[in-house]
Amino acid sequence: MIRFDAFLAALLIVLAAASALGVIASQHETRKLHNAFEHEQNRARSLDVEWGRLQIEQSSLADHRRVEEIAREKLDMSPPRPGQIVALEDRS
């Protein structure tokens, strides 16, 4: 009977140690995943900020006054004179 009690005690100790190691591994994996999640959240926030900046930049680059100024100064363009405009009718 003493051998069975010693075997049972040893088995319970081994099972408790295995359970403790499982808890430690699970906690480590949880912390690792949490850190990766926080990293991705920070990345998403910085991408949102960059997206907003790019939208503002796009709207300023596409401003009609800016486009007209570049057309006049760099491309030497000017609006057509009234005699140069031809209107076509759609005959579909």
PDB file of N, CA and C in Angstrom:
ATOM      1  N   MET A   1       0.812  -1.196   0.000  1.00  0.00           N
ATOM      2  CA  MET A   1       0.000   0.000   0.000  1.00  0.00           C
ATOM      3  C   MET A   1       0.860   1.266   0.000  1.00  0.00           C
ATOM      4  N   ILE A   2       2.002   1.190   0.651  1.00  0.00           N
ATOM      5  CA  ILE A   2       2.872   2.353   0.723  1.00  0.00           C
ATOM      6  C   ILE A   2       3.451   2.646  -0.655  1.00  0.00           C
ATOM      7  N   ARG A   3       3.763   1.615  -1.412  1.00  0.00           N
ATOM      8  CA  ARG A   3       4.305   1.823  -2.755  1.00  0.00           C
ATOM      9  C   ARG A   3       3.267   2.496  -3.653  1.00  0.00           C
ATOM     10  N   PHE A   4       2.002   2.099  -3.501  1.00  0.00           N
ATOM     11  CA  PHE A   4       0.941   2.713  -4.305  1.00  0.00           C
ATOM     12  C   PHE A   4       0.758   4.178  -3.937  1.00  0.00           C
ATOM     13  N   ASP A   5       0.820   4.492  -2.639  1.00  0.00           N
ATOM     14  CA  ASP A   5       0.695   5.884  -2.192  1.00  0.00           C
ATOM     15  C   ASP A   5       1.876   6.720  -2.693  1.00  0.00           C
ATOM     16  N   ALA A   6       3.066   6.157  -2.682  1.00  0.00           N
ATOM     17  CA  ALA A   6       4.250   6.871  -3.170  1.00  0.00           C
ATOM     18  C   ALA A   6       4.140   7.087  -4.681  1.00  0.00           C
ATOM     19  N   PHE A   7       3.665   6.054  -5.393  1.00  0.00           N
ATOM     20  CA  PHE A   7       3.475   6.184  -6.832  1.00  0.00           C
ATOM     21  C   PHE A   7       2.426   7.242  -7.151  1.00  0.00           C
ATOM     22  N   LEU A   8       1.329   7.232  -6.416  1.00  0.00           N
ATOM     23  CA  LEU A   8       0.258   8.212  -6.624  1.00  0.00           C
ATOM     24  C   LEU A   8       0.754   9.625  -6.327  1.00  0.00           C
ATOM     25  N   ALA A   9       1.521   9.787  -5.264  1.00  0.00           N
ATOM     26  CA  ALA A   9       2.071  11.101  -4.917  1.00  0.00           C
ATOM     27  C   ALA A   9       3.032  11.578  -6.016  1.00  0.00           C
ATOM     28  N   ALA A  10       3.866  10.682  -6.518  1.00  0.00           N
ATOM     29  CA  ALA A  10       4.811  11.057  -7.578  1.00  0.00           C
ATOM     30  C   ALA A  10       4.059  11.423  -8.853  1.00  0.00           C
ATOM     31  N   LEU A  11       3.019  10.647  -9.159  1.00  0.00           N
ATOM     32  CA  LEU A  11       2.221  10.932 -10.338  1.00  0.00           C
ATOM     33  C   LEU A  11       1.535  12.298 -10.221  1.00  0.00           C
ATOM     34  N   LEU A  12       1.006  12.589  -9.051  1.00  0.00           N
ATOM     35  CA  LEU A  12       0.354  13.886  -8.830  1.00  0.00           C
ATOM     36  C   LEU A  12       1.358  15.036  -8.926  1.00  0.00           C
ATOM     37  N   ILE A  13       2.559  14.834  -8.469  1.00  0.00           N
ATOM     38  CA  ILE A  13       3.594  15.869  -8.546  1.00  0.00           C
ATOM     39  C   ILE A  13       3.965  16.107 -10.014  1.00  0.00           C
ATOM     40  N   VAL A  14       4.123  15.025 -10.768  1.00  0.00           N
ATOM     41  CA  VAL A  14       4.458  15.158 -12.187  1.00  0.00           C
ATOM     42  C   VAL A  14       3.328  15.873 -12.924  1.00  0.00           C
ATOM     43  N   LEU A  15       2.085  15.493 -12.645  1.00  0.00           N
ATOM     44  CA  LEU A  15       0.937  16.145 -13.289  1.00  0.00           C
ATOM     45  C   LEU A  15       0.835  17.621 -12.902  1.00  0.00           C
ATOM     46  N   ALA A  16       1.104  17.945 -11.643  1.00  0.00           N
ATOM     47  CA  ALA A  16       1.073  19.348 -11.206  1.00  0.00           C
ATOM     48  C   ALA A  16       2.179  20.145 -11.895  1.00  0.00           C
ATOM     49  N   ALA A  17       3.358  19.547 -12.036  1.00  0.00           N
ATOM     50  CA  ALA A  17       4.465  20.234 -12.710  1.00  0.00           C
ATOM     51  C   ALA A  17       4.139  20.434 -14.194  1.00  0.00           C
ATOM     52  N   ALA A  18       3.560  19.432 -14.821  1.00  0.00           N
ATOM     53  CA  ALA A  18       3.188  19.565 -16.233  1.00  0.00           C
ATOM     54  C   ALA A  18       2.117  20.640 -16.402  1.00  0.00           C
ATOM     55  N   SER A  19       1.172  20.674 -15.486  1.00  0.00           N
ATOM     56  CA  SER A  19       0.129  21.694 -15.530  1.00  0.00           C
ATOM     57  C   SER A  19       0.730  23.092 -15.344  1.00  0.00           C
ATOM     58  N   ALA A  20       1.675  23.218 -14.422  1.00  0.00           N
ATOM     59  CA  ALA A  20       2.327  24.507 -14.195  1.00  0.00           C
ATOM     60  C   ALA A  20       3.100  24.943 -15.431  1.00  0.00           C
ATOM     61  N   LEU A  21       3.794  24.017 -16.057  1.00  0.00           N
ATOM     62  CA  LEU A  21       4.520  24.352 -17.286  1.00  0.00           C
ATOM     63  C   LEU A  21       3.550  24.756 -18.399  1.00  0.00           C
ATOM     64  N   GLY A  22       2.405  24.120 -18.463  1.00  0.00           N
ATOM     65  CA  GLY A  22       1.386  24.493 -19.445  1.00  0.00           C
ATOM     66  C   GLY A  22       0.866  25.897 -19.207  1.00  0.00           C
ATOM     67  N   VAL A  23       0.653  26.244 -17.953  1.00  0.00           N
ATOM     68  CA  VAL A  23       0.189  27.601 -17.614  1.00  0.00           C
ATOM     69  C   VAL A  23       1.243  28.622 -17.983  1.00  0.00           C
ATOM     70  N   ILE A  24       2.493  28.333 -17.700  1.00  0.00           N
ATOM     71  CA  ILE A  24       3.582  29.259 -18.024  1.00  0.00           C
ATOM     72  C   ILE A  24       3.677  29.453 -19.537  1.00  0.00           C
ATOM     73  N   ALA A  25       3.608  28.362 -20.293  1.00  0.00           N
ATOM     74  CA  ALA A  25       3.689  28.468 -21.750  1.00  0.00           C
ATOM     75  C   ALA A  25       2.504  29.255 -22.296  1.00  0.00           C
ATOM     76  N   SER A  26       1.338  29.016 -21.736  1.00  0.00           N
ATOM     77  CA  SER A  26       0.138  29.732 -22.181  1.00  0.00           C
ATOM     78  C   SER A  26       0.247  31.228 -21.883  1.00  0.00           C
ATOM     79  N   GLN A  27       0.738  31.577 -20.702  1.00  0.00           N
ATOM     80  CA  GLN A  27       0.911  32.991 -20.351  1.00  0.00           C
ATOM     81  C   GLN A  27       1.941  33.655 -21.253  1.00  0.00           C
ATOM     82  N   HIS A  28       3.008  32.953 -21.554  1.00  0.00           N
ATOM     83  CA  HIS A  28       4.039  33.508 -22.432  1.00  0.00           C
ATOM     84  C   HIS A  28       3.464  33.780 -23.814  1.00  0.00           C
ATOM     85  N   GLU A  29       2.715  32.823 -24.353  1.00  0.00           N
ATOM     86  CA  GLU A  29       2.103  32.992 -25.681  1.00  0.00           C
ATOM     87  C   GLU A  29       1.102  34.148 -25.660  1.00  0.00           C
ATOM     88  N   THR A  30       0.342  34.269 -24.578  1.00  0.00           N
ATOM     89  CA  THR A  30      -0.628  35.367 -24.453  1.00  0.00           C
ATOM     90  C   THR A  30       0.078  36.717 -24.455  1.00  0.00           C
ATOM     91  N   ARG A  31       1.163  36.822 -23.713  1.00  0.00           N
ATOM     92  CA  ARG A  31       1.917  38.083 -23.676  1.00  0.00           C
ATOM     93  C   ARG A  31       2.506  38.416 -25.046  1.00  0.00           C
ATOM     94  N   LYS A  32       3.024  37.389 -25.710  1.00  0.00           N
ATOM     95  CA  LYS A  32       3.605  37.591 -27.035  1.00  0.00           C
ATOM     96  C   LYS A  32       2.534  38.072 -28.021  1.00  0.00           C
ATOM     97  N   LEU A  33       1.369  37.459 -27.991  1.00  0.00           N
ATOM     98  CA  LEU A  33       0.281  37.865 -28.881  1.00  0.00           C
ATOM     99  C   LEU A  33      -0.229  39.262 -28.539  1.00  0.00           C
ATOM    100  N   HIS A  34      -0.282  39.581 -27.250  1.00  0.00           N
ATOM    101  CA  HIS A  34      -0.728  40.911 -26.837  1.00  0.00           C
ATOM    102  C   HIS A  34       0.247  41.989 -27.331  1.00  0.00           C
ATOM    103  N   ASN A  35       1.536  41.708 -27.223  1.00  0.00           N
ATOM    104  CA  ASN A  35       2.533  42.660 -27.727  1.00  0.00           C
ATOM    105  C   ASN A  35       2.414  42.845 -29.235  1.00  0.00           C
ATOM    106  N   ALA A  36       2.208  41.752 -29.958  1.00  0.00           N
ATOM    107  CA  ALA A  36       2.041  41.853 -31.407  1.00  0.00           C
ATOM    108  C   ALA A  36       0.774  42.642 -31.750  1.00  0.00           C
ATOM    109  N   PHE A  37      -0.286  42.426 -30.982  1.00  0.00           N
ATOM    110  CA  PHE A  37      -1.537  43.152 -31.200  1.00  0.00           C
ATOM    111  C   PHE A  37      -1.348  44.647 -30.976  1.00  0.00           C
ATOM    112  N   GLU A  38      -0.678  45.019 -29.891  1.00  0.00           N
ATOM    113  CA  GLU A  38      -0.417  46.436 -29.619  1.00  0.00           C
ATOM    114  C   GLU A  38       0.449  47.051 -30.721  1.00  0.00           C
ATOM    115  N   HIS A  39       1.424  46.312 -31.201  1.00  0.00           N
ATOM    116  CA  HIS A  39       2.282  46.803 -32.287  1.00  0.00           C
ATOM    117  C   HIS A  39       1.438  47.083 -33.530  1.00  0.00           C
ATOM    118  N   GLU A  40       0.549  46.174 -33.871  1.00  0.00           N
ATOM    119  CA  GLU A  40      -0.296  46.359 -35.049  1.00  0.00           C
ATOM    120  C   GLU A  40      -1.293  47.496 -34.856  1.00  0.00           C
ATOM    121  N   GLN A  41      -1.784  47.683 -33.637  1.00  0.00           N
ATOM    122  CA  GLN A  41      -2.669  48.828 -33.371  1.00  0.00           C
ATOM    123  C   GLN A  41      -1.917  50.143 -33.568  1.00  0.00           C
ATOM    124  N   ASN A  42      -0.691  50.218 -33.075  1.00  0.00           N
ATOM    125  CA  ASN A  42       0.116  51.427 -33.277  1.00  0.00           C
ATOM    126  C   ASN A  42       0.382  51.659 -34.755  1.00  0.00           C
ATOM    127  N   ARG A  43       0.648  50.592 -35.476  1.00  0.00           N
ATOM    128  CA  ARG A  43       0.883  50.703 -36.919  1.00  0.00           C
ATOM    129  C   ARG A  43      -0.380  51.196 -37.632  1.00  0.00           C
ATOM    130  N   ALA A  44      -1.537  50.680 -37.229  1.00  0.00           N
ATOM    131  CA  ALA A  44      -2.799  51.118 -37.837  1.00  0.00           C
ATOM    132  C   ALA A  44      -3.046  52.599 -37.563  1.00  0.00           C
ATOM    133  N   ARG A  45      -2.745  53.044 -36.340  1.00  0.00           N
ATOM    134  CA  ARG A  45      -2.920  54.467 -36.016  1.00  0.00           C
ATOM    135  C   ARG A  45      -1.992  55.330 -36.861  1.00  0.00           C
ATOM    136  N   SER A  46      -0.738  54.910 -37.021  1.00  0.00           N
ATOM    137  CA  SER A  46       0.192  55.719 -37.821  1.00  0.00           C
ATOM    138  C   SER A  46      -0.219  55.713 -39.295  1.00  0.00           C
ATOM    139  N   LEU A  47      -0.761  54.608 -39.773  1.00  0.00           N
ATOM    140  CA  LEU A  47      -1.245  54.566 -41.155  1.00  0.00           C
ATOM    141  C   LEU A  47      -2.467  55.463 -41.334  1.00  0.00           C
ATOM    142  N   ASP A  48      -3.325  55.534 -40.314  1.00  0.00           N
ATOM    143  CA  ASP A  48      -4.476  56.450 -40.374  1.00  0.00           C
ATOM    144  C   ASP A  48      -4.014  57.898 -40.455  1.00  0.00           C
ATOM    145  N   VAL A  49      -2.992  58.235 -39.659  1.00  0.00           N
ATOM    146  CA  VAL A  49      -2.461  59.596 -39.684  1.00  0.00           C
ATOM    147  C   VAL A  49      -1.863  59.895 -41.055  1.00  0.00           C
ATOM    148  N   GLU A  50      -1.106  58.937 -41.595  1.00  0.00           N
ATOM    149  CA  GLU A  50      -0.506  59.137 -42.911  1.00  0.00           C
ATOM    150  C   GLU A  50      -1.588  59.265 -43.983  1.00  0.00           C
ATOM    151  N   TRP A  51      -2.653  58.473 -43.891  1.00  0.00           N
ATOM    152  CA  TRP A  51      -3.753  58.541 -44.852  1.00  0.00           C
ATOM    153  C   TRP A  51      -4.391  59.932 -44.831  1.00  0.00           C
ATOM    154  N   GLY A  52      -4.624  60.458 -43.645  1.00  0.00           N
ATOM    155  CA  GLY A  52      -5.181  61.806 -43.535  1.00  0.00           C
ATOM    156  C   GLY A  52      -4.265  62.852 -44.141  1.00  0.00           C
ATOM    157  N   ARG A  53      -2.963  62.712 -43.889  1.00  0.00           N
ATOM    158  CA  ARG A  53      -1.995  63.652 -44.451  1.00  0.00           C
ATOM    159  C   ARG A  53      -1.988  63.568 -45.976  1.00  0.00           C
ATOM    160  N   LEU A  54      -2.050  62.355 -46.504  1.00  0.00           N
ATOM    161  CA  LEU A  54      -2.061  62.180 -47.958  1.00  0.00           C
ATOM    162  C   LEU A  54      -3.341  62.732 -48.586  1.00  0.00           C
ATOM    163  N   GLN A  55      -4.471  62.604 -47.896  1.00  0.00           N
ATOM    164  CA  GLN A  55      -5.713  63.172 -48.420  1.00  0.00           C
ATOM    165  C   GLN A  55      -5.625  64.694 -48.491  1.00  0.00           C
ATOM    166  N   ILE A  56      -5.059  65.303 -47.447  1.00  0.00           N
ATOM    167  CA  ILE A  56      -4.884  66.759 -47.447  1.00  0.00           C
ATOM    168  C   ILE A  56      -3.936  67.167 -48.561  1.00  0.00           C
ATOM    169  N   GLU A  57      -2.840  66.424 -48.721  1.00  0.00           N
ATOM    170  CA  GLU A  57      -1.877  66.732 -49.777  1.00  0.00           C
ATOM    171  C   GLU A  57      -2.516  66.594 -51.157  1.00  0.00           C
ATOM    172  N   GLN A  58      -3.310  65.548 -51.353  1.00  0.00           N
ATOM    173  CA  GLN A  58      -3.970  65.353 -52.642  1.00  0.00           C
ATOM    174  C   GLN A  58      -4.938  66.486 -52.939  1.00  0.00           C
ATOM    175  N   SER A  59      -5.707  66.904 -51.943  1.00  0.00           N
ATOM    176  CA  SER A  59      -6.660  67.984 -52.190  1.00  0.00           C
ATOM    177  C   SER A  59      -5.941  69.297 -52.493  1.00  0.00           C
ATOM    178  N   SER A  60      -4.805  69.521 -51.852  1.00  0.00           N
ATOM    179  CA  SER A  60      -4.081  70.760 -52.149  1.00  0.00           C
ATOM    180  C   SER A  60      -3.412  70.694 -53.524  1.00  0.00           C
ATOM    181  N   LEU A  61      -2.931  69.509 -53.919  1.00  0.00           N
ATOM    182  CA  LEU A  61      -2.299  69.382 -55.233  1.00  0.00           C
ATOM    183  C   LEU A  61      -3.322  69.470 -56.366  1.00  0.00           C
ATOM    184  N   ALA A  62      -4.559  69.077 -56.110  1.00  0.00           N
ATOM    185  CA  ALA A  62      -5.583  69.085 -57.159  1.00  0.00           C
ATOM    186  C   ALA A  62      -6.414  70.364 -57.148  1.00  0.00           C
ATOM    187  N   ASP A  63      -6.036  71.320 -56.338  1.00  0.00           N
ATOM    188  CA  ASP A  63      -6.775  72.583 -56.278  1.00  0.00           C
ATOM    189  C   ASP A  63      -6.732  73.256 -57.649  1.00  0.00           C
ATOM    190  N   HIS A  64      -7.886  73.740 -58.108  1.00  0.00           N
ATOM    191  CA  HIS A  64      -7.989  74.320 -59.448  1.00  0.00           C
ATOM    192  C   HIS A  64      -7.058  75.521 -59.638  1.00  0.00           C
ATOM    193  N   ARG A  65      -6.930  76.324 -58.609  1.00  0.00           N
ATOM    194  CA  ARG A  65      -6.042  77.500 -58.749  1.00  0.00           C
ATOM    195  C   ARG A  65      -4.598  77.063 -58.942  1.00  0.00           C
ATOM    196  N   ARG A  66      -4.189  76.034 -58.224  1.00  0.00           N
ATOM    197  CA  ARG A  66      -2.810  75.553 -58.349  1.00  0.00           C
ATOM    198  C   ARG A  66      -2.579  74.961 -59.738  1.00  0.00           C
ATOM    199  N   VAL A  67      -3.531  74.168 -60.209  1.00  0.00           N
ATOM    200  CA  VAL A  67      -3.397  73.564 -61.536  1.00  0.00           C
ATOM    201  C   VAL A  67      -3.343  74.649 -62.606  1.00  0.00           C
ATOM    202  N   GLU A  68      -4.204  75.654 -62.479  1.00  0.00           N
ATOM    203  CA  GLU A  68      -4.208  76.739 -63.458  1.00  0.00           C
ATOM    204  C   GLU A  68      -2.895  77.517 -63.423  1.00  0.00           C
ATOM    205  N   GLU A  69      -2.378  77.754 -62.215  1.00  0.00           N
ATOM    206  CA  GLU A  69      -1.109  78.484 -62.088  1.00  0.00           C
ATOM    207  C   GLU A  69       0.029  77.705 -62.749  1.00  0.00           C
ATOM    208  N   ILE A  70       0.083  76.395 -62.536  1.00  0.00           N
ATOM    209  CA  ILE A  70       1.135  75.580 -63.154  1.00  0.00           C
ATOM    210  C   ILE A  70       0.970  75.582 -64.668  1.00  0.00           C
ATOM    211  N   ALA A  71      -0.283  75.482 -65.138  1.00  0.00           N
ATOM    212  CA  ALA A  71      -0.527  75.481 -66.588  1.00  0.00           C
ATOM    213  C   ALA A  71      -0.064  76.789 -67.213  1.00  0.00           C
ATOM    214  N   ARG A  72      -0.314  77.891 -66.546  1.00  0.00           N
ATOM    215  CA  ARG A  72       0.083  79.197 -67.103  1.00  0.00           C
ATOM    216  C   ARG A  72       1.592  79.392 -67.046  1.00  0.00           C
ATOM    217  N   GLU A  73       2.196  79.118 -65.890  1.00  0.00           N
ATOM    218  CA  GLU A  73       3.609  79.436 -65.701  1.00  0.00           C
ATOM    219  C   GLU A  73       4.556  78.402 -66.317  1.00  0.00           C
ATOM    220  N   LYS A  74       4.325  77.138 -66.052  1.00  0.00           N
ATOM    221  CA  LYS A  74       5.279  76.126 -66.497  1.00  0.00           C
ATOM    222  C   LYS A  74       4.984  75.626 -67.906  1.00  0.00           C
ATOM    223  N   LEU A  75       3.725  75.592 -68.287  1.00  0.00           N
ATOM    224  CA  LEU A  75       3.370  75.039 -69.590  1.00  0.00           C
ATOM    225  C   LEU A  75       2.994  76.116 -70.599  1.00  0.00           C
ATOM    226  N   ASP A  76       3.013  77.349 -70.154  1.00  0.00           N
ATOM    227  CA  ASP A  76       2.697  78.489 -71.008  1.00  0.00           C
ATOM    228  C   ASP A  76       1.330  78.315 -71.694  1.00  0.00           C
ATOM    229  N   MET A  77       0.351  77.895 -70.904  1.00  0.00           N
ATOM    230  CA  MET A  77      -1.003  77.690 -71.427  1.00  0.00           C
ATOM    231  C   MET A  77      -1.877  78.873 -71.049  1.00  0.00           C
ATOM    232  N   SER A  78      -2.938  79.069 -71.802  1.00  0.00           N
ATOM    233  CA  SER A  78      -3.910  80.125 -71.484  1.00  0.00           C
ATOM    234  C   SER A  78      -5.290  79.625 -71.900  1.00  0.00           C
ATOM    235  N   PRO A  79      -6.344  80.227 -71.357  1.00  0.00           N
ATOM    236  CA  PRO A  79      -7.694  79.796 -71.726  1.00  0.00           C
ATOM    237  C   PRO A  79      -7.947  80.081 -73.203  1.00  0.00           C
ATOM    238  N   PRO A  80      -8.772  79.267 -73.865  1.00  0.00           N
ATOM    239  CA  PRO A  80      -9.042  79.511 -75.290  1.00  0.00           C
ATOM    240  C   PRO A  80      -9.870  80.785 -75.480  1.00  0.00           C
ATOM    241  N   ARG A  81      -9.629  81.432 -76.619  1.00  0.00           N
ATOM    242  CA  ARG A  81     -10.417  82.626 -76.946  1.00  0.00           C
ATOM    243  C   ARG A  81     -11.797  82.168 -77.426  1.00  0.00           C
ATOM    244  N   PRO A  82     -12.772  83.045 -77.382  1.00  0.00           N
ATOM    245  CA  PRO A  82     -14.128  82.630 -77.772  1.00  0.00           C
ATOM    246  C   PRO A  82     -14.216  82.014 -79.167  1.00  0.00           C
ATOM    247  N   GLY A  83     -13.460  82.440 -80.116  1.00  0.00           N
ATOM    248  CA  GLY A  83     -13.514  81.886 -81.468  1.00  0.00           C
ATOM    249  C   GLY A  83     -12.891  80.504 -81.574  1.00  0.00           C
ATOM    250  N   GLN A  84     -12.132  80.092 -80.565  1.00  0.00           N
ATOM    251  CA  GLN A  84     -11.469  78.789 -80.597  1.00  0.00           C
ATOM    252  C   GLN A  84     -12.329  77.670 -80.013  1.00  0.00           C
ATOM    253  N   ILE A  85     -13.462  78.003 -79.451  1.00  0.00           N
ATOM    254  CA  ILE A  85     -14.309  77.007 -78.796  1.00  0.00           C
ATOM    255  C   ILE A  85     -15.338  76.493 -79.799  1.00  0.00           C
ATOM    256  N   VAL A  86     -15.428  75.190 -79.944  1.00  0.00           N
ATOM    257  CA  VAL A  86     -16.394  74.560 -80.852  1.00  0.00           C
ATOM    258  C   VAL A  86     -17.238  73.614 -80.018  1.00  0.00           C
ATOM    259  N   ALA A  87     -18.553  73.775 -80.098  1.00  0.00           N
ATOM    260  CA  ALA A  87     -19.471  72.887 -79.359  1.00  0.00           C
ATOM    261  C   ALA A  87     -20.032  71.861 -80.324  1.00  0.00           C
ATOM    262  N   LEU A  88     -20.019  70.594 -79.929  1.00  0.00           N
ATOM    263  CA  LEU A  88     -20.533  69.518 -80.753  1.00  0.00           C
ATOM    264  C   LEU A  88     -21.822  68.971 -80.127  1.00  0.00           C
ATOM    265  N   GLU A  89     -22.753  68.562 -80.960  1.00  0.00           N
ATOM    266  CA  GLU A  89     -23.990  67.979 -80.459  1.00  0.00           C
ATOM    267  C   GLU A  89     -23.864  66.470 -80.451  1.00  0.00           C
ATOM    268  N   ASP A  90     -24.510  65.858 -79.509  1.00  0.00           N
ATOM    269  CA  ASP A  90     -24.539  64.409 -79.425  1.00  0.00           C
ATOM    270  C   ASP A  90     -25.693  63.907 -80.266  1.00  0.00           C
ATOM    271  N   ARG A  91     -25.408  63.110 -81.278  1.00  0.00           N
ATOM    272  CA  ARG A  91     -26.451  62.631 -82.190  1.00  0.00           C
ATOM    273  C   ARG A  91     -26.736  61.143 -81.979  1.00  0.00           C
ATOM    274  N   SER A  92     -26.592  60.653 -80.807  1.00  0.00           N
ATOM    275  CA  SER A  92     -26.845  59.230 -80.564  1.00  0.00           C
ATOM    276  C   SER A  92     -28.312  58.907 -80.450  1.00  0.00           C
TER     277      SER A  92
END
